[in-house]
């Protein structure tokens, strides 16, 4: 799996999917800017097509810590058969939501 380019300074959204039979799984990472904390890294995973995904929120103050965490998640997803299917950064996140 190719590495994710550059440290995320702005909001970022990444989605991996594993659709090799018998799997239909997804894993998402979203970096949110928060009012009270510098950065909140939200991780969601579950079965493709289900309404409720499981999630974890990590509060990270250092941009390098965020970068290391995103790189590690990307590496692990690749080892578990996932492929990166979507990467959205910065201002494009707000445009996609509209």
N, C-alpha and C. Protein backbone atom coordinates (compact mmCIF):
# COMPACT_ATOMS: atom_id res chain seq x y z
N UNK A 1 0.85 -1.18 0.00
CA UNK A 1 0.00 0.00 0.00
C UNK A 1 0.89 1.23 0.00
N UNK A 2 0.64 2.21 -0.89
CA UNK A 2 1.48 3.40 -0.90
C UNK A 2 1.27 4.23 0.36
N UNK A 3 2.34 4.87 0.85
CA UNK A 3 2.19 5.67 2.06
C UNK A 3 1.33 6.90 1.81
N UNK A 4 0.68 7.38 2.84
CA UNK A 4 -0.11 8.60 2.76
C UNK A 4 0.87 9.76 2.68
N UNK A 5 0.63 10.69 1.74
CA UNK A 5 1.56 11.79 1.51
C UNK A 5 1.41 12.90 2.54
N UNK A 6 2.54 13.30 3.11
CA UNK A 6 2.64 14.49 3.93
C UNK A 6 1.85 14.48 5.22
N UNK A 7 2.36 15.18 6.23
CA UNK A 7 1.66 15.24 7.51
C UNK A 7 0.36 16.02 7.38
N UNK A 8 -0.71 15.53 8.01
CA UNK A 8 -1.97 16.25 7.93
C UNK A 8 -1.98 17.45 8.86
N UNK A 9 -2.05 18.64 8.31
CA UNK A 9 -2.16 19.85 9.11
C UNK A 9 -3.59 20.33 9.12
N UNK A 10 -4.32 20.01 8.09
CA UNK A 10 -5.72 20.37 7.95
C UNK A 10 -6.55 19.12 8.21
N UNK A 11 -7.87 19.30 8.26
CA UNK A 11 -8.71 18.10 8.38
C UNK A 11 -8.43 17.12 7.24
N UNK A 12 -8.58 15.85 7.54
CA UNK A 12 -8.32 14.81 6.56
C UNK A 12 -9.33 13.68 6.78
N UNK A 13 -9.72 13.02 5.69
CA UNK A 13 -10.62 11.87 5.76
C UNK A 13 -10.03 10.77 4.87
N UNK A 14 -9.85 9.58 5.43
CA UNK A 14 -9.33 8.44 4.69
C UNK A 14 -10.28 7.27 4.89
N UNK A 15 -10.50 6.50 3.82
CA UNK A 15 -11.35 5.31 3.92
C UNK A 15 -10.69 4.14 3.22
N UNK A 16 -10.59 3.02 3.95
CA UNK A 16 -10.09 1.77 3.41
C UNK A 16 -11.24 0.78 3.37
N UNK A 17 -11.21 -0.12 2.39
CA UNK A 17 -12.21 -1.18 2.32
C UNK A 17 -11.53 -2.51 2.03
N UNK A 18 -12.12 -3.56 2.57
CA UNK A 18 -11.69 -4.93 2.28
C UNK A 18 -12.93 -5.65 1.78
N UNK A 19 -12.97 -5.88 0.46
CA UNK A 19 -14.15 -6.52 -0.14
C UNK A 19 -13.83 -7.91 -0.69
N UNK A 20 -12.66 -8.44 -0.34
CA UNK A 20 -12.31 -9.81 -0.77
C UNK A 20 -13.22 -10.79 -0.03
N UNK A 21 -13.87 -11.70 -0.77
CA UNK A 21 -14.78 -12.64 -0.10
C UNK A 21 -14.06 -13.40 1.00
N UNK A 22 -14.66 -13.58 2.13
CA UNK A 22 -16.04 -13.29 2.52
C UNK A 22 -16.20 -11.93 3.20
N UNK A 23 -15.22 -11.04 3.08
CA UNK A 23 -15.23 -9.76 3.79
C UNK A 23 -16.02 -8.69 3.03
N UNK A 24 -16.60 -7.78 3.81
CA UNK A 24 -17.18 -6.54 3.31
C UNK A 24 -17.02 -5.52 4.44
N UNK A 25 -15.76 -5.14 4.68
CA UNK A 25 -15.43 -4.31 5.83
C UNK A 25 -14.89 -2.96 5.38
N UNK A 26 -15.05 -1.97 6.25
CA UNK A 26 -14.45 -0.66 6.00
C UNK A 26 -13.75 -0.17 7.26
N UNK A 27 -12.84 0.78 7.06
CA UNK A 27 -12.13 1.42 8.15
C UNK A 27 -11.92 2.86 7.74
N UNK A 28 -12.31 3.81 8.58
CA UNK A 28 -12.18 5.23 8.25
C UNK A 28 -11.37 5.95 9.32
N UNK A 29 -10.65 6.96 8.89
CA UNK A 29 -9.92 7.84 9.79
C UNK A 29 -10.27 9.26 9.39
N UNK A 30 -10.65 10.06 10.38
CA UNK A 30 -10.98 11.46 10.11
C UNK A 30 -10.28 12.32 11.15
N UNK A 31 -9.55 13.30 10.69
CA UNK A 31 -8.88 14.25 11.58
C UNK A 31 -9.72 15.50 11.64
N UNK A 32 -10.22 15.81 12.83
CA UNK A 32 -11.06 16.98 13.03
C UNK A 32 -10.30 18.02 13.83
N UNK A 33 -10.51 19.27 13.51
CA UNK A 33 -10.00 20.34 14.34
C UNK A 33 -11.06 20.62 15.38
N UNK A 34 -10.65 20.73 16.63
CA UNK A 34 -11.58 20.87 17.72
C UNK A 34 -11.44 22.24 18.37
N UNK A 35 -12.50 22.69 19.01
CA UNK A 35 -12.47 23.98 19.70
C UNK A 35 -11.60 23.92 20.94
N UNK A 36 -11.66 22.79 21.65
CA UNK A 36 -10.99 22.70 22.94
C UNK A 36 -9.65 21.97 22.89
N UNK A 37 -9.46 21.12 21.89
CA UNK A 37 -8.21 20.39 21.74
C UNK A 37 -7.66 20.67 20.36
N UNK A 38 -6.35 20.62 20.18
CA UNK A 38 -5.79 20.90 18.86
C UNK A 38 -6.33 19.98 17.76
N UNK A 39 -6.35 18.67 17.99
CA UNK A 39 -6.77 17.75 16.94
C UNK A 39 -7.45 16.53 17.56
N UNK A 40 -8.50 16.06 16.89
CA UNK A 40 -9.19 14.85 17.33
C UNK A 40 -9.16 13.88 16.16
N UNK A 41 -8.56 12.72 16.37
CA UNK A 41 -8.48 11.68 15.34
C UNK A 41 -9.60 10.68 15.62
N UNK A 42 -10.55 10.60 14.70
CA UNK A 42 -11.70 9.70 14.85
C UNK A 42 -11.46 8.49 13.96
N UNK A 43 -11.57 7.30 14.55
CA UNK A 43 -11.42 6.05 13.80
C UNK A 43 -12.74 5.32 13.84
N UNK A 44 -13.25 4.91 12.66
CA UNK A 44 -14.51 4.17 12.57
C UNK A 44 -14.28 2.90 11.76
N UNK A 45 -14.97 1.83 12.13
CA UNK A 45 -14.85 0.60 11.37
C UNK A 45 -16.15 -0.19 11.49
N UNK A 46 -16.35 -1.08 10.54
CA UNK A 46 -17.54 -1.91 10.57
C UNK A 46 -17.76 -2.61 9.25
N UNK A 47 -18.95 -3.15 9.08
CA UNK A 47 -19.32 -3.86 7.87
C UNK A 47 -19.91 -2.86 6.89
N UNK A 48 -19.51 -2.94 5.63
CA UNK A 48 -20.02 -2.04 4.59
C UNK A 48 -21.53 -2.23 4.49
N UNK A 49 -22.26 -1.12 4.51
CA UNK A 49 -23.70 -1.17 4.38
C UNK A 49 -24.47 -1.12 5.69
N UNK A 50 -23.77 -1.24 6.83
CA UNK A 50 -24.47 -1.18 8.11
C UNK A 50 -24.59 0.27 8.55
N UNK A 51 -25.57 0.53 9.38
CA UNK A 51 -25.80 1.89 9.85
C UNK A 51 -24.88 2.30 10.99
N UNK A 52 -24.56 1.37 11.86
CA UNK A 52 -23.78 1.72 13.05
C UNK A 52 -22.36 1.20 12.93
N UNK A 53 -21.44 2.11 12.99
CA UNK A 53 -20.03 1.74 12.98
C UNK A 53 -19.47 1.93 14.39
N UNK A 54 -18.48 1.18 14.72
CA UNK A 54 -17.79 1.38 15.98
C UNK A 54 -16.79 2.51 15.78
N UNK A 55 -16.46 3.23 16.84
CA UNK A 55 -15.52 4.32 16.69
C UNK A 55 -14.72 4.56 17.96
N UNK A 56 -13.59 5.20 17.76
CA UNK A 56 -12.70 5.63 18.84
C UNK A 56 -12.25 7.04 18.51
N UNK A 57 -12.19 7.90 19.51
CA UNK A 57 -11.66 9.25 19.32
C UNK A 57 -10.37 9.38 20.13
N UNK A 58 -9.32 9.86 19.47
CA UNK A 58 -8.05 10.11 20.13
C UNK A 58 -7.77 11.61 20.07
N UNK A 59 -7.41 12.21 21.19
CA UNK A 59 -7.04 13.62 21.21
C UNK A 59 -5.52 13.70 21.12
N UNK A 60 -5.03 14.37 20.08
CA UNK A 60 -3.59 14.49 19.85
C UNK A 60 -3.23 15.97 19.68
N UNK A 61 -2.22 16.40 20.40
CA UNK A 61 -1.83 17.80 20.36
C UNK A 61 -0.72 18.09 19.36
N UNK A 62 0.08 17.10 19.06
CA UNK A 62 1.25 17.28 18.22
C UNK A 62 0.96 16.78 16.80
N UNK A 63 1.24 17.59 15.79
CA UNK A 63 1.01 17.20 14.39
C UNK A 63 1.82 15.96 14.03
N UNK A 64 3.01 15.83 14.58
CA UNK A 64 3.83 14.64 14.30
C UNK A 64 3.21 13.38 14.88
N UNK A 65 2.58 13.49 16.05
CA UNK A 65 1.91 12.34 16.64
C UNK A 65 0.73 11.91 15.77
N UNK A 66 0.02 12.87 15.23
CA UNK A 66 -1.09 12.58 14.33
C UNK A 66 -0.56 11.87 13.09
N UNK A 67 0.52 12.39 12.54
CA UNK A 67 1.11 11.82 11.33
C UNK A 67 1.55 10.38 11.56
N UNK A 68 2.22 10.14 12.69
CA UNK A 68 2.67 8.78 13.01
C UNK A 68 1.49 7.83 13.16
N UNK A 69 0.43 8.29 13.81
CA UNK A 69 -0.76 7.45 14.02
C UNK A 69 -1.44 7.11 12.68
N UNK A 70 -1.57 8.09 11.80
CA UNK A 70 -2.18 7.85 10.48
C UNK A 70 -1.32 6.89 9.66
N UNK A 71 -0.01 7.04 9.70
CA UNK A 71 0.89 6.14 8.98
C UNK A 71 0.78 4.70 9.51
N UNK A 72 0.71 4.56 10.83
CA UNK A 72 0.60 3.24 11.43
C UNK A 72 -0.74 2.58 11.07
N UNK A 73 -1.81 3.35 11.11
CA UNK A 73 -3.12 2.82 10.71
C UNK A 73 -3.08 2.37 9.26
N UNK A 74 -2.50 3.18 8.39
CA UNK A 74 -2.40 2.84 6.97
C UNK A 74 -1.61 1.55 6.77
N UNK A 75 -0.51 1.40 7.48
CA UNK A 75 0.32 0.20 7.37
C UNK A 75 -0.46 -1.04 7.82
N UNK A 76 -1.14 -0.92 8.96
CA UNK A 76 -1.90 -2.05 9.48
C UNK A 76 -3.08 -2.43 8.58
N UNK A 77 -3.76 -1.44 8.03
CA UNK A 77 -4.89 -1.74 7.14
C UNK A 77 -4.39 -2.50 5.91
N UNK A 78 -3.24 -2.11 5.37
CA UNK A 78 -2.67 -2.82 4.22
C UNK A 78 -2.33 -4.25 4.55
N UNK A 79 -1.78 -4.49 5.74
CA UNK A 79 -1.44 -5.85 6.16
C UNK A 79 -2.67 -6.72 6.34
N UNK A 80 -3.82 -6.09 6.61
CA UNK A 80 -5.05 -6.84 6.85
C UNK A 80 -5.94 -6.91 5.61
N UNK A 81 -5.38 -6.59 4.44
CA UNK A 81 -6.10 -6.77 3.19
C UNK A 81 -6.97 -5.61 2.75
N UNK A 82 -6.87 -4.47 3.39
CA UNK A 82 -7.66 -3.31 3.02
C UNK A 82 -6.96 -2.52 1.92
N UNK A 83 -7.74 -1.83 1.11
CA UNK A 83 -7.20 -0.93 0.09
C UNK A 83 -7.76 0.47 0.33
N UNK A 84 -6.91 1.48 0.19
CA UNK A 84 -7.35 2.87 0.34
C UNK A 84 -8.25 3.22 -0.84
N UNK A 85 -9.50 3.60 -0.56
CA UNK A 85 -10.45 3.90 -1.63
C UNK A 85 -10.80 5.38 -1.70
N UNK A 86 -10.51 6.13 -0.62
CA UNK A 86 -10.85 7.55 -0.64
C UNK A 86 -9.92 8.33 0.27
N UNK A 87 -9.44 9.46 -0.22
CA UNK A 87 -8.61 10.37 0.56
C UNK A 87 -9.06 11.78 0.24
N UNK A 88 -9.51 12.50 1.26
CA UNK A 88 -9.98 13.89 1.09
C UNK A 88 -9.25 14.73 2.12
N UNK A 89 -8.75 15.89 1.69
CA UNK A 89 -7.99 16.75 2.60
C UNK A 89 -8.51 18.19 2.61
N UNK A 90 -8.30 18.86 3.72
CA UNK A 90 -8.52 20.28 3.87
C UNK A 90 -9.88 20.79 3.47
N UNK A 91 -9.90 21.86 2.66
CA UNK A 91 -11.13 22.54 2.28
C UNK A 91 -12.06 21.63 1.50
N UNK A 92 -11.55 20.61 0.84
CA UNK A 92 -12.39 19.70 0.06
C UNK A 92 -13.36 18.93 0.97
N UNK A 93 -13.04 18.77 2.25
CA UNK A 93 -13.93 18.05 3.16
C UNK A 93 -15.24 18.82 3.30
N UNK A 94 -15.16 20.12 3.51
CA UNK A 94 -16.36 20.93 3.63
C UNK A 94 -17.17 20.94 2.34
N UNK A 95 -16.48 20.93 1.19
CA UNK A 95 -17.15 20.93 -0.10
C UNK A 95 -17.88 19.61 -0.33
N UNK A 96 -17.29 18.49 0.13
CA UNK A 96 -17.93 17.19 -0.06
C UNK A 96 -19.16 17.06 0.83
N UNK A 97 -19.14 17.68 2.00
CA UNK A 97 -20.27 17.57 2.92
C UNK A 97 -21.47 18.38 2.42
N UNK A 98 -21.20 19.42 1.66
CA UNK A 98 -22.30 20.30 1.19
C UNK A 98 -23.09 19.67 0.08
